[in-house]
């Protein structure tokens, strides 16, 4: 599946604006660096699965809204996974991202 990162960025910006949140506030709450959200929203930077998950948590939605334009029914499972990701170190995050990529590519 090829993602349109311009569209992903637009969806993130739309959700952020709908909640009346400034980029700096979202970056702080998501533990992101200054101006990183701006570069994601403009498709200058491609966010990792972990960053998309943190943004979804902060913006009270699911990563599906950013990736597919549709919100999966709210359930606690994706939030539980996101909480686990937030506690991992860089090595664990690399492994988790590799596993999730492998899993998403399976038929």
N, C-alpha and C. Protein backbone atom coordinates (compact mmCIF):
# COMPACT_ATOMS: atom_id res chain seq x y z
N UNK A 1 0.84 -1.17 0.00
CA UNK A 1 0.00 0.00 0.00
C UNK A 1 0.89 1.24 0.00
N UNK A 2 0.71 2.09 -0.98
CA UNK A 2 1.45 3.34 -1.05
C UNK A 2 0.63 4.44 -0.40
N UNK A 3 1.26 5.14 0.52
CA UNK A 3 0.57 6.22 1.22
C UNK A 3 0.85 7.56 0.56
N UNK A 4 -0.17 8.39 0.50
CA UNK A 4 -0.03 9.76 0.03
C UNK A 4 0.25 10.61 1.27
N UNK A 5 1.52 10.93 1.50
CA UNK A 5 1.90 11.63 2.72
C UNK A 5 1.39 13.07 2.76
N UNK A 6 1.12 13.66 1.61
CA UNK A 6 0.49 14.98 1.59
C UNK A 6 -0.92 14.88 2.18
N UNK A 7 -1.62 13.82 1.80
CA UNK A 7 -2.98 13.62 2.31
C UNK A 7 -2.95 13.28 3.80
N UNK A 8 -1.99 12.47 4.21
CA UNK A 8 -1.84 12.15 5.64
C UNK A 8 -1.62 13.44 6.43
N UNK A 9 -0.73 14.29 5.94
CA UNK A 9 -0.46 15.56 6.60
C UNK A 9 -1.69 16.45 6.66
N UNK A 10 -2.47 16.48 5.57
CA UNK A 10 -3.70 17.28 5.55
C UNK A 10 -4.70 16.77 6.58
N UNK A 11 -4.80 15.46 6.70
CA UNK A 11 -5.74 14.87 7.67
C UNK A 11 -5.33 15.18 9.11
N UNK A 12 -4.04 15.14 9.37
CA UNK A 12 -3.55 15.47 10.71
C UNK A 12 -3.86 16.94 11.00
N UNK A 13 -3.55 17.81 10.06
CA UNK A 13 -3.81 19.25 10.25
C UNK A 13 -5.30 19.51 10.45
N UNK A 14 -6.13 18.85 9.67
CA UNK A 14 -7.58 19.03 9.78
C UNK A 14 -8.08 18.64 11.17
N UNK A 15 -7.60 17.50 11.65
CA UNK A 15 -8.02 17.04 12.99
C UNK A 15 -7.52 17.99 14.06
N UNK A 16 -6.28 18.44 13.95
CA UNK A 16 -5.71 19.37 14.93
C UNK A 16 -6.50 20.67 14.97
N UNK A 17 -6.83 21.19 13.80
CA UNK A 17 -7.58 22.45 13.72
C UNK A 17 -9.01 22.28 14.23
N UNK A 18 -9.60 21.11 13.99
CA UNK A 18 -10.95 20.85 14.49
C UNK A 18 -10.99 20.88 16.02
N UNK A 19 -9.86 20.53 16.63
CA UNK A 19 -9.76 20.56 18.10
C UNK A 19 -9.21 21.89 18.61
N UNK A 20 -8.99 22.84 17.68
CA UNK A 20 -8.48 24.16 18.05
C UNK A 20 -7.14 24.10 18.77
N UNK A 21 -6.25 23.25 18.30
CA UNK A 21 -4.94 23.10 18.92
C UNK A 21 -3.85 23.65 18.01
N UNK A 22 -2.92 24.34 18.60
CA UNK A 22 -1.76 24.84 17.86
C UNK A 22 -0.75 23.71 17.70
N UNK A 23 0.06 23.84 16.66
CA UNK A 23 1.07 22.81 16.40
C UNK A 23 1.98 22.62 17.60
N UNK A 24 2.41 23.69 18.22
CA UNK A 24 3.33 23.60 19.36
C UNK A 24 2.73 22.82 20.52
N UNK A 25 1.44 22.98 20.74
CA UNK A 25 0.77 22.26 21.83
C UNK A 25 0.74 20.76 21.53
N UNK A 26 0.40 20.43 20.30
CA UNK A 26 0.36 19.01 19.90
C UNK A 26 1.76 18.40 19.98
N UNK A 27 2.76 19.13 19.51
CA UNK A 27 4.14 18.63 19.57
C UNK A 27 4.56 18.36 21.01
N UNK A 28 4.23 19.26 21.90
CA UNK A 28 4.60 19.09 23.31
C UNK A 28 3.90 17.87 23.90
N UNK A 29 2.60 17.76 23.67
CA UNK A 29 1.84 16.64 24.23
C UNK A 29 2.27 15.29 23.64
N UNK A 30 2.72 15.30 22.40
CA UNK A 30 3.14 14.06 21.74
C UNK A 30 4.62 13.77 21.92
N UNK A 31 5.33 14.67 22.61
CA UNK A 31 6.76 14.46 22.84
C UNK A 31 7.58 14.59 21.57
N UNK A 32 7.18 15.51 20.72
CA UNK A 32 7.86 15.72 19.44
C UNK A 32 8.72 16.97 19.50
N UNK A 33 9.68 17.05 18.61
CA UNK A 33 10.53 18.23 18.51
C UNK A 33 9.80 19.40 17.89
N UNK A 34 10.34 20.57 18.12
CA UNK A 34 9.78 21.82 17.59
C UNK A 34 9.78 21.78 16.07
N UNK A 35 8.69 22.16 15.47
CA UNK A 35 8.50 22.27 14.01
C UNK A 35 8.37 20.92 13.29
N UNK A 36 8.45 19.80 14.02
CA UNK A 36 8.33 18.49 13.39
C UNK A 36 6.92 18.28 12.84
N UNK A 37 5.90 18.69 13.62
CA UNK A 37 4.53 18.53 13.16
C UNK A 37 4.28 19.34 11.89
N UNK A 38 4.83 20.52 11.83
CA UNK A 38 4.70 21.34 10.62
C UNK A 38 5.26 20.60 9.41
N UNK A 39 6.40 19.98 9.58
CA UNK A 39 7.01 19.27 8.44
C UNK A 39 6.21 18.02 8.06
N UNK A 40 5.54 17.40 9.04
CA UNK A 40 4.68 16.25 8.74
C UNK A 40 3.44 16.73 7.99
N UNK A 41 2.83 17.80 8.47
CA UNK A 41 1.62 18.33 7.84
C UNK A 41 1.87 18.81 6.42
N UNK A 42 3.09 19.23 6.12
CA UNK A 42 3.44 19.69 4.77
C UNK A 42 4.07 18.57 3.93
N UNK A 43 4.15 17.36 4.48
CA UNK A 43 4.72 16.19 3.81
C UNK A 43 6.20 16.36 3.50
N UNK A 44 6.88 17.15 4.31
CA UNK A 44 8.34 17.29 4.19
C UNK A 44 9.00 16.13 4.92
N UNK A 45 8.40 15.71 6.03
CA UNK A 45 8.88 14.56 6.81
C UNK A 45 7.83 13.46 6.79
N UNK A 46 8.29 12.23 6.78
CA UNK A 46 7.39 11.07 6.82
C UNK A 46 7.41 10.52 8.24
N UNK A 47 6.26 10.53 8.92
CA UNK A 47 6.22 10.07 10.30
C UNK A 47 6.28 8.55 10.41
N UNK A 48 6.88 8.07 11.48
CA UNK A 48 6.91 6.64 11.75
C UNK A 48 5.55 6.20 12.30
N UNK A 49 5.35 4.91 12.38
CA UNK A 49 4.11 4.37 12.95
C UNK A 49 3.96 4.83 14.40
N UNK A 50 5.06 4.89 15.11
CA UNK A 50 5.02 5.31 16.51
C UNK A 50 4.60 6.77 16.63
N UNK A 51 5.09 7.64 15.76
CA UNK A 51 4.72 9.06 15.79
C UNK A 51 3.25 9.22 15.43
N UNK A 52 2.79 8.49 14.42
CA UNK A 52 1.37 8.56 14.07
C UNK A 52 0.48 8.11 15.22
N UNK A 53 0.93 7.11 15.94
CA UNK A 53 0.16 6.62 17.09
C UNK A 53 0.11 7.67 18.20
N UNK A 54 1.26 8.31 18.47
CA UNK A 54 1.27 9.37 19.49
C UNK A 54 0.38 10.53 19.08
N UNK A 55 0.42 10.91 17.81
CA UNK A 55 -0.44 12.00 17.32
C UNK A 55 -1.92 11.62 17.46
N UNK A 56 -2.25 10.38 17.13
CA UNK A 56 -3.63 9.92 17.27
C UNK A 56 -4.09 10.00 18.72
N UNK A 57 -3.23 9.62 19.65
CA UNK A 57 -3.58 9.72 21.07
C UNK A 57 -3.84 11.16 21.48
N UNK A 58 -2.94 12.05 21.09
CA UNK A 58 -3.08 13.46 21.46
C UNK A 58 -4.32 14.07 20.82
N UNK A 59 -4.62 13.67 19.59
CA UNK A 59 -5.74 14.25 18.86
C UNK A 59 -7.02 13.42 19.01
N UNK A 60 -7.00 12.49 19.96
CA UNK A 60 -8.17 11.70 20.34
C UNK A 60 -8.86 11.04 19.14
N UNK A 61 -8.07 10.33 18.37
CA UNK A 61 -8.60 9.60 17.22
C UNK A 61 -7.78 8.33 17.04
N UNK A 62 -7.95 7.68 15.93
CA UNK A 62 -7.16 6.49 15.62
C UNK A 62 -6.21 6.81 14.47
N UNK A 63 -5.12 6.08 14.35
CA UNK A 63 -4.22 6.30 13.21
C UNK A 63 -4.93 6.11 11.87
N UNK A 64 -6.01 5.32 11.87
CA UNK A 64 -6.77 5.11 10.63
C UNK A 64 -7.26 6.42 10.02
N UNK A 65 -7.63 7.35 10.86
CA UNK A 65 -8.12 8.63 10.35
C UNK A 65 -7.05 9.31 9.52
N UNK A 66 -5.80 9.24 9.96
CA UNK A 66 -4.70 9.87 9.23
C UNK A 66 -4.32 9.07 7.99
N UNK A 67 -4.27 7.76 8.13
CA UNK A 67 -3.79 6.90 7.04
C UNK A 67 -4.84 6.62 5.98
N UNK A 68 -6.08 6.42 6.41
CA UNK A 68 -7.13 6.00 5.49
C UNK A 68 -8.24 7.02 5.30
N UNK A 69 -8.29 8.01 6.18
CA UNK A 69 -9.36 8.99 6.11
C UNK A 69 -10.64 8.51 6.76
N UNK A 70 -10.58 7.39 7.46
CA UNK A 70 -11.75 6.83 8.12
C UNK A 70 -11.37 6.48 9.55
N UNK A 71 -12.29 6.72 10.44
CA UNK A 71 -12.04 6.42 11.84
C UNK A 71 -12.60 5.05 12.17
N UNK A 72 -11.73 4.20 12.67
CA UNK A 72 -12.16 2.89 13.13
C UNK A 72 -12.97 3.10 14.40
N UNK A 73 -13.92 2.24 14.63
CA UNK A 73 -14.70 2.37 15.85
C UNK A 73 -13.76 2.45 17.04
N UNK A 74 -14.05 3.39 17.90
CA UNK A 74 -13.19 3.59 19.06
C UNK A 74 -13.19 2.34 19.93
N UNK A 75 -12.04 1.84 20.20
CA UNK A 75 -11.90 0.76 21.16
C UNK A 75 -10.59 0.99 21.91
N UNK A 76 -10.47 0.35 23.02
CA UNK A 76 -9.31 0.58 23.88
C UNK A 76 -8.06 -0.12 23.37
N UNK A 77 -8.18 -1.05 22.46
CA UNK A 77 -7.02 -1.84 22.03
C UNK A 77 -5.92 -0.99 21.43
N UNK A 78 -6.24 -0.09 20.50
CA UNK A 78 -5.18 0.69 19.87
C UNK A 78 -4.54 1.63 20.87
N UNK A 79 -5.33 2.13 21.84
CA UNK A 79 -4.76 2.99 22.88
C UNK A 79 -3.82 2.19 23.78
N UNK A 80 -4.18 0.95 24.07
CA UNK A 80 -3.31 0.10 24.89
C UNK A 80 -1.98 -0.14 24.19
N UNK A 81 -2.04 -0.40 22.88
CA UNK A 81 -0.81 -0.61 22.11
C UNK A 81 0.02 0.67 22.09
N UNK A 82 -0.64 1.80 21.91
CA UNK A 82 0.08 3.09 21.89
C UNK A 82 0.76 3.35 23.23
N UNK A 83 0.11 3.01 24.32
CA UNK A 83 0.70 3.20 25.63
C UNK A 83 1.95 2.33 25.78
N UNK A 84 1.88 1.11 25.27
CA UNK A 84 3.05 0.24 25.31
C UNK A 84 4.20 0.83 24.51
N UNK A 85 3.90 1.36 23.33
CA UNK A 85 4.94 1.95 22.49
C UNK A 85 5.63 3.12 23.19
N UNK A 86 4.87 3.88 23.94
CA UNK A 86 5.43 5.06 24.59
C UNK A 86 6.45 4.70 25.67
N UNK A 87 6.40 3.49 26.18
CA UNK A 87 7.33 3.09 27.24
C UNK A 87 8.60 2.44 26.71
N UNK A 88 8.68 2.24 25.38
CA UNK A 88 9.81 1.51 24.80
C UNK A 88 10.99 2.41 24.50
N UNK A 89 12.18 1.80 24.58
CA UNK A 89 13.39 2.53 24.18
C UNK A 89 13.54 2.43 22.66
N UNK A 90 14.55 3.09 22.11
CA UNK A 90 14.73 3.13 20.66
C UNK A 90 14.87 1.75 20.02
N UNK A 91 15.60 0.87 20.66
CA UNK A 91 15.78 -0.48 20.13
C UNK A 91 14.47 -1.25 20.08
N UNK A 92 13.70 -1.14 21.14
CA UNK A 92 12.41 -1.82 21.19
C UNK A 92 11.45 -1.24 20.15
N UNK A 93 11.48 0.09 19.98
CA UNK A 93 10.62 0.73 18.98
C UNK A 93 10.99 0.28 17.57
N UNK A 94 12.29 0.15 17.30
CA UNK A 94 12.72 -0.33 15.99
C UNK A 94 12.19 -1.74 15.73
N UNK A 95 12.29 -2.59 16.73
CA UNK A 95 11.80 -3.96 16.61
C UNK A 95 10.28 -3.98 16.43
N UNK A 96 9.56 -3.19 17.21
CA UNK A 96 8.10 -3.13 17.10
C UNK A 96 7.68 -2.62 15.73
N UNK A 97 8.35 -1.60 15.24
CA UNK A 97 8.02 -1.06 13.91
C UNK A 97 8.29 -2.10 12.83
N UNK A 98 9.40 -2.82 12.94
CA UNK A 98 9.71 -3.88 11.97
C UNK A 98 8.64 -4.96 11.98
N UNK A 99 8.22 -5.35 13.17
CA UNK A 99 7.19 -6.38 13.29
C UNK A 99 5.87 -5.89 12.70
N UNK A 100 5.48 -4.66 13.02
CA UNK A 100 4.22 -4.13 12.51
C UNK A 100 4.25 -3.99 10.99
N UNK A 101 5.38 -3.60 10.45
CA UNK A 101 5.53 -3.51 9.00
C UNK A 101 5.38 -4.90 8.37
N UNK A 102 6.09 -5.88 8.94
CA UNK A 102 5.98 -7.25 8.45
C UNK A 102 4.54 -7.74 8.52
N UNK A 103 3.88 -7.49 9.64
CA UNK A 103 2.51 -7.94 9.84
C UNK A 103 1.56 -7.28 8.84
N UNK A 104 1.73 -6.00 8.58
CA UNK A 104 0.84 -5.30 7.65
C UNK A 104 1.03 -5.73 6.20
N UNK A 105 2.18 -6.29 5.87
CA UNK A 105 2.48 -6.73 4.50
C UNK A 105 2.02 -8.16 4.23
N UNK A 106 1.58 -8.85 5.27
CA UNK A 106 1.10 -10.23 5.08
C UNK A 106 -0.28 -10.21 4.46
N UNK A 107 -0.58 -11.25 3.67
CA UNK A 107 -1.92 -11.37 3.05
C UNK A 107 -2.94 -11.87 4.01
